[in-house]
Amino acid sequence: MKMYQDIEEKIQEFRLLSPLPERLFVLHQLIDFIQQKRESKQAIHLNFICTHNSRRSQMAQVWATLLADYYGINLKAYSGGTEATTFHPNALSVFRRLGLEIDKHGEENPHYILKYSQDQPAIVVFSKVYNHPSNPQGNFAAIMTCAEADVNCPYIPDADQRISLTYEDPKEFDGTDHAAEAYRACSDQIALELNYVLQNIAQ
């Protein structure tokens, strides 16, 4: 497996950092879920859920896929919302700046094809509800990436476990000079924490 250089270098930066102490409890819930699935030789499915499936949940899906590939961990990452909108361009631009090759298909709620390696399949992302047919219908962890979805979606049928791993929404910076910085900061926090999870699995 050979990732594009900018992505690999970014992941190597995260390997030198640690999450905030107050985040460790919930991160270890996710570590335990993945470890239990690996030890019992079951498929590992992570469904990142936010209200609109347009920013945080999509970024988490992409980062989980990249990091799992980097560490050689066999898992599948998905995302969904309590409603479908579209993958927001500001969130998408985070990965474009990291060097991923991005192709757009369609206009209303487009499907995006994110290529990060010459050897691995591209990541396909688009906005959808959490129980969309392309997402797992059972045997998965429901990872709530925003507090609003955590409150408004109190029950996820068929999820093995529900984990509340919420992030601040960068959308308040849309249309400002600080948008790129806010989205990059959100993406970096997601990546750093998921790196901590998967780096612990890989040890």
Protein backbone atom coordinates (compact mmCIF):
# COMPACT_ATOMS: atom_id res chain seq x y z
CA MET A 1 0.00 0.00 0.00
CA LYS A 2 1.37 3.38 -1.00
CA MET A 3 -0.56 6.49 0.02
CA TYR A 4 0.02 9.83 -1.59
CA GLN A 5 2.91 11.47 0.21
CA ASP A 6 1.09 14.47 1.71
CA ILE A 7 -1.50 12.21 3.37
CA GLU A 8 1.10 9.86 4.79
CA GLU A 9 3.12 12.75 6.16
CA LYS A 10 0.01 14.22 7.79
CA ILE A 11 -0.74 10.92 9.51
CA GLN A 12 2.84 10.73 10.74
CA GLU A 13 2.32 14.14 12.37
CA PHE A 14 -0.69 12.83 14.26
CA ARG A 15 1.33 9.88 15.55
CA LEU A 16 3.37 12.35 17.62
CA LEU A 17 0.32 13.97 19.25
CA SER A 18 -2.14 12.92 21.96
CA PRO A 19 -5.84 13.69 22.44
CA LEU A 20 -6.97 15.84 25.33
CA PRO A 21 -7.26 13.80 28.57
CA GLU A 22 -11.00 14.46 28.85
CA ARG A 23 -11.53 12.75 25.48
CA LEU A 24 -9.80 9.50 26.38
CA PHE A 25 -12.76 7.77 28.07
CA VAL A 26 -14.95 7.85 24.96
CA LEU A 27 -12.02 7.05 22.67
CA HIS A 28 -11.35 3.92 24.69
CA GLN A 29 -14.97 2.89 24.21
CA LEU A 30 -14.26 2.84 20.50
CA ILE A 31 -10.94 1.03 21.01
CA ASP A 32 -12.72 -1.64 23.07
CA PHE A 33 -15.41 -2.07 20.42
CA ILE A 34 -12.87 -2.59 17.66
CA GLN A 35 -10.70 -4.90 19.76
CA GLN A 36 -13.67 -7.07 20.68
CA LYS A 37 -14.67 -7.40 17.05
CA ARG A 38 -11.11 -8.30 16.01
CA GLU A 39 -10.69 -10.88 18.76
CA SER A 40 -13.97 -12.57 17.84
CA LYS A 41 -13.04 -12.39 14.14
CA GLN A 42 -16.12 -10.35 13.27
CA ALA A 43 -16.37 -7.61 10.66
CA ILE A 44 -15.68 -4.12 12.01
CA HIS A 45 -18.23 -1.55 10.81
CA LEU A 46 -18.20 2.06 12.04
CA ASN A 47 -21.10 4.34 11.08
CA PHE A 48 -20.38 8.02 11.86
CA ILE A 49 -23.67 9.87 12.33
CA CYS A 50 -24.44 13.59 12.35
CA THR A 51 -27.58 15.60 11.65
CA HIS A 52 -27.02 16.53 7.99
CA ASN A 53 -24.21 14.14 7.04
CA SER A 54 -22.42 17.05 5.40
CA ARG A 55 -19.33 17.86 7.47
CA ARG A 56 -18.14 16.07 10.63
CA SER A 57 -19.54 12.62 9.94
CA GLN A 58 -18.20 12.68 6.38
CA MET A 59 -14.75 13.81 7.52
CA ALA A 60 -14.73 11.07 10.14
CA GLN A 61 -15.64 8.44 7.54
CA VAL A 62 -12.81 9.53 5.27
CA TRP A 63 -10.24 9.74 8.06
CA ALA A 64 -11.23 6.37 9.52
CA THR A 65 -10.76 4.81 6.08
CA LEU A 66 -7.38 6.48 5.53
CA LEU A 67 -6.07 5.57 8.99
CA ALA A 68 -7.32 1.99 8.86
CA ASP A 69 -5.50 1.56 5.57
CA TYR A 70 -2.34 3.18 6.99
CA TYR A 71 -2.30 0.82 9.99
CA GLY A 72 -3.42 -2.24 8.07
CA ILE A 73 -6.63 -2.68 10.06
CA ASN A 74 -9.53 -4.34 8.28
CA LEU A 75 -12.53 -2.15 8.98
CA LYS A 76 -15.22 -0.39 7.00
CA ALA A 77 -16.21 3.20 7.75
CA TYR A 78 -19.56 4.69 6.80
CA SER A 79 -21.48 7.86 7.55
CA GLY A 80 -25.07 9.05 7.63
CA GLY A 81 -27.40 11.66 9.06
CA THR A 82 -30.84 12.07 10.50
CA GLU A 83 -31.49 13.74 7.12
CA ALA A 84 -29.60 13.92 3.82
CA THR A 85 -28.21 17.17 2.38
CA THR A 86 -24.87 17.25 0.54
CA PHE A 87 -21.15 16.89 1.33
CA HIS A 88 -20.28 20.51 2.07
CA PRO A 89 -17.58 22.00 -0.20
CA ASN A 90 -15.63 23.40 2.77
CA ALA A 91 -15.34 19.94 4.29
CA LEU A 92 -14.40 18.46 0.94
CA SER A 93 -11.70 21.09 0.44
CA VAL A 94 -9.85 19.80 3.51
CA PHE A 95 -9.05 16.60 1.63
CA ARG A 96 -8.32 18.37 -1.64
CA ARG A 97 -5.62 20.38 0.14
CA LEU A 98 -4.19 17.12 1.49
CA GLY A 99 -3.65 15.92 -2.05
CA LEU A 100 -6.56 13.54 -2.54
CA GLU A 101 -7.81 13.39 -6.12
CA ILE A 102 -11.52 14.18 -6.08
CA ASP A 103 -14.03 13.53 -8.85
CA LYS A 104 -17.62 14.78 -8.67
CA HIS A 105 -20.55 12.85 -10.09
CA GLY A 106 -23.99 14.48 -10.27
CA GLU A 107 -25.28 17.87 -9.19
CA GLU A 108 -27.94 17.48 -6.50
CA ASN A 109 -26.29 15.70 -3.57
CA PRO A 110 -23.32 14.65 -5.73
CA HIS A 111 -21.28 11.50 -5.18
CA TYR A 112 -17.58 12.25 -4.70
CA ILE A 113 -14.82 9.78 -5.51
CA LEU A 114 -11.75 10.39 -3.32
CA LYS A 115 -8.56 8.74 -4.52
CA TYR A 116 -5.66 8.61 -2.05
CA SER A 117 -3.49 5.78 -3.37
CA GLN A 118 -2.47 4.17 -6.62
CA ASP A 119 -3.14 0.75 -5.10
CA GLN A 120 -6.31 1.04 -3.01
CA PRO A 121 -9.95 1.58 -4.02
CA ALA A 122 -11.16 5.17 -3.89
CA ILE A 123 -13.47 6.35 -1.11
CA VAL A 124 -17.03 7.09 -2.27
CA VAL A 125 -18.86 9.72 -0.21
CA PHE A 126 -22.27 11.38 -0.47
CA SER A 127 -24.86 12.62 1.99
CA LYS A 128 -27.45 10.08 3.13
CA VAL A 129 -29.49 9.03 6.14
CA TYR A 130 -27.80 6.74 8.63
CA ASN A 131 -29.88 3.70 7.63
CA HIS A 132 -29.38 4.16 3.87
CA PRO A 133 -29.09 0.79 2.08
CA SER A 134 -25.37 1.42 1.42
CA ASN A 135 -24.74 1.57 5.17
CA PRO A 136 -24.63 -1.46 7.50
CA GLN A 137 -28.04 -2.61 8.68
CA GLY A 138 -26.68 -4.40 11.74
CA ASN A 139 -23.50 -5.30 13.64
CA PHE A 140 -21.95 -1.82 13.71
CA ALA A 141 -20.96 0.94 16.10
CA ALA A 142 -23.09 4.09 15.80
CA ILE A 143 -20.64 6.93 16.45
CA MET A 144 -22.48 10.19 17.06
CA THR A 145 -20.29 13.05 15.83
CA CYS A 146 -22.62 15.93 16.72
CA ALA A 147 -24.58 16.65 19.88
CA GLU A 148 -27.75 17.52 17.95
CA ALA A 149 -27.92 14.13 16.29
CA ASP A 150 -27.08 12.48 19.61
CA VAL A 151 -30.17 14.10 21.14
CA ASN A 152 -32.53 13.84 18.17
CA CYS A 153 -31.61 10.28 17.28
CA PRO A 154 -31.87 8.54 20.65
CA TYR A 155 -32.19 5.01 19.27
CA ILE A 156 -30.27 3.44 16.39
CA PRO A 157 -31.84 0.08 15.56
CA ASP A 158 -29.46 -2.84 15.10
CA ALA A 159 -26.35 -0.97 16.32
CA ASP A 160 -24.13 -3.11 18.51
CA GLN A 161 -22.98 -0.03 20.40
CA ARG A 162 -23.63 3.71 20.46
CA ILE A 163 -20.65 5.98 21.12
CA SER A 164 -20.96 9.75 21.61
CA LEU A 165 -17.84 11.25 20.01
CA THR A 166 -19.02 14.77 19.27
CA TYR A 167 -17.21 17.71 17.65
CA GLU A 168 -17.88 21.43 17.34
CA ASP A 169 -19.57 22.33 14.06
CA PRO A 170 -17.38 24.44 11.75
CA LYS A 171 -20.38 25.59 9.71
CA GLU A 172 -20.68 28.83 11.73
CA PHE A 173 -17.56 29.99 9.87
CA ASP A 174 -19.03 29.38 6.41
CA GLY A 175 -18.76 32.51 4.29
CA THR A 176 -16.02 34.06 6.46
CA ASP A 177 -12.27 34.45 6.09
CA HIS A 178 -11.85 31.86 8.85
CA ALA A 179 -13.71 29.00 7.15
CA ALA A 180 -10.65 27.14 5.85
CA GLU A 181 -8.94 27.35 9.24
CA ALA A 182 -12.07 26.19 11.12
CA TYR A 183 -12.64 23.20 8.86
CA ARG A 184 -8.97 22.23 9.00
CA ALA A 185 -9.03 22.41 12.80
CA CYS A 186 -12.14 20.21 12.99
CA SER A 187 -10.64 17.73 10.54
CA ASP A 188 -7.37 17.65 12.48
CA GLN A 189 -9.13 16.90 15.76
CA ILE A 190 -11.11 14.09 14.18
CA ALA A 191 -7.98 12.68 12.55
CA LEU A 192 -5.86 12.98 15.69
CA GLU A 193 -8.44 11.14 17.81
CA LEU A 194 -9.12 8.41 15.27
CA ASN A 195 -5.37 8.01 14.84
CA TYR A 196 -5.09 7.46 18.61
CA VAL A 197 -7.79 4.79 18.39
CA LEU A 198 -6.31 2.89 15.46
CA GLN A 199 -2.71 3.31 16.56
CA ASN A 200 -3.68 1.58 19.82
CA ILE A 201 -5.33 -1.23 17.86
CA ALA A 202 -2.25 -1.67 15.71
CA GLN A 203 0.13 -2.01 18.68
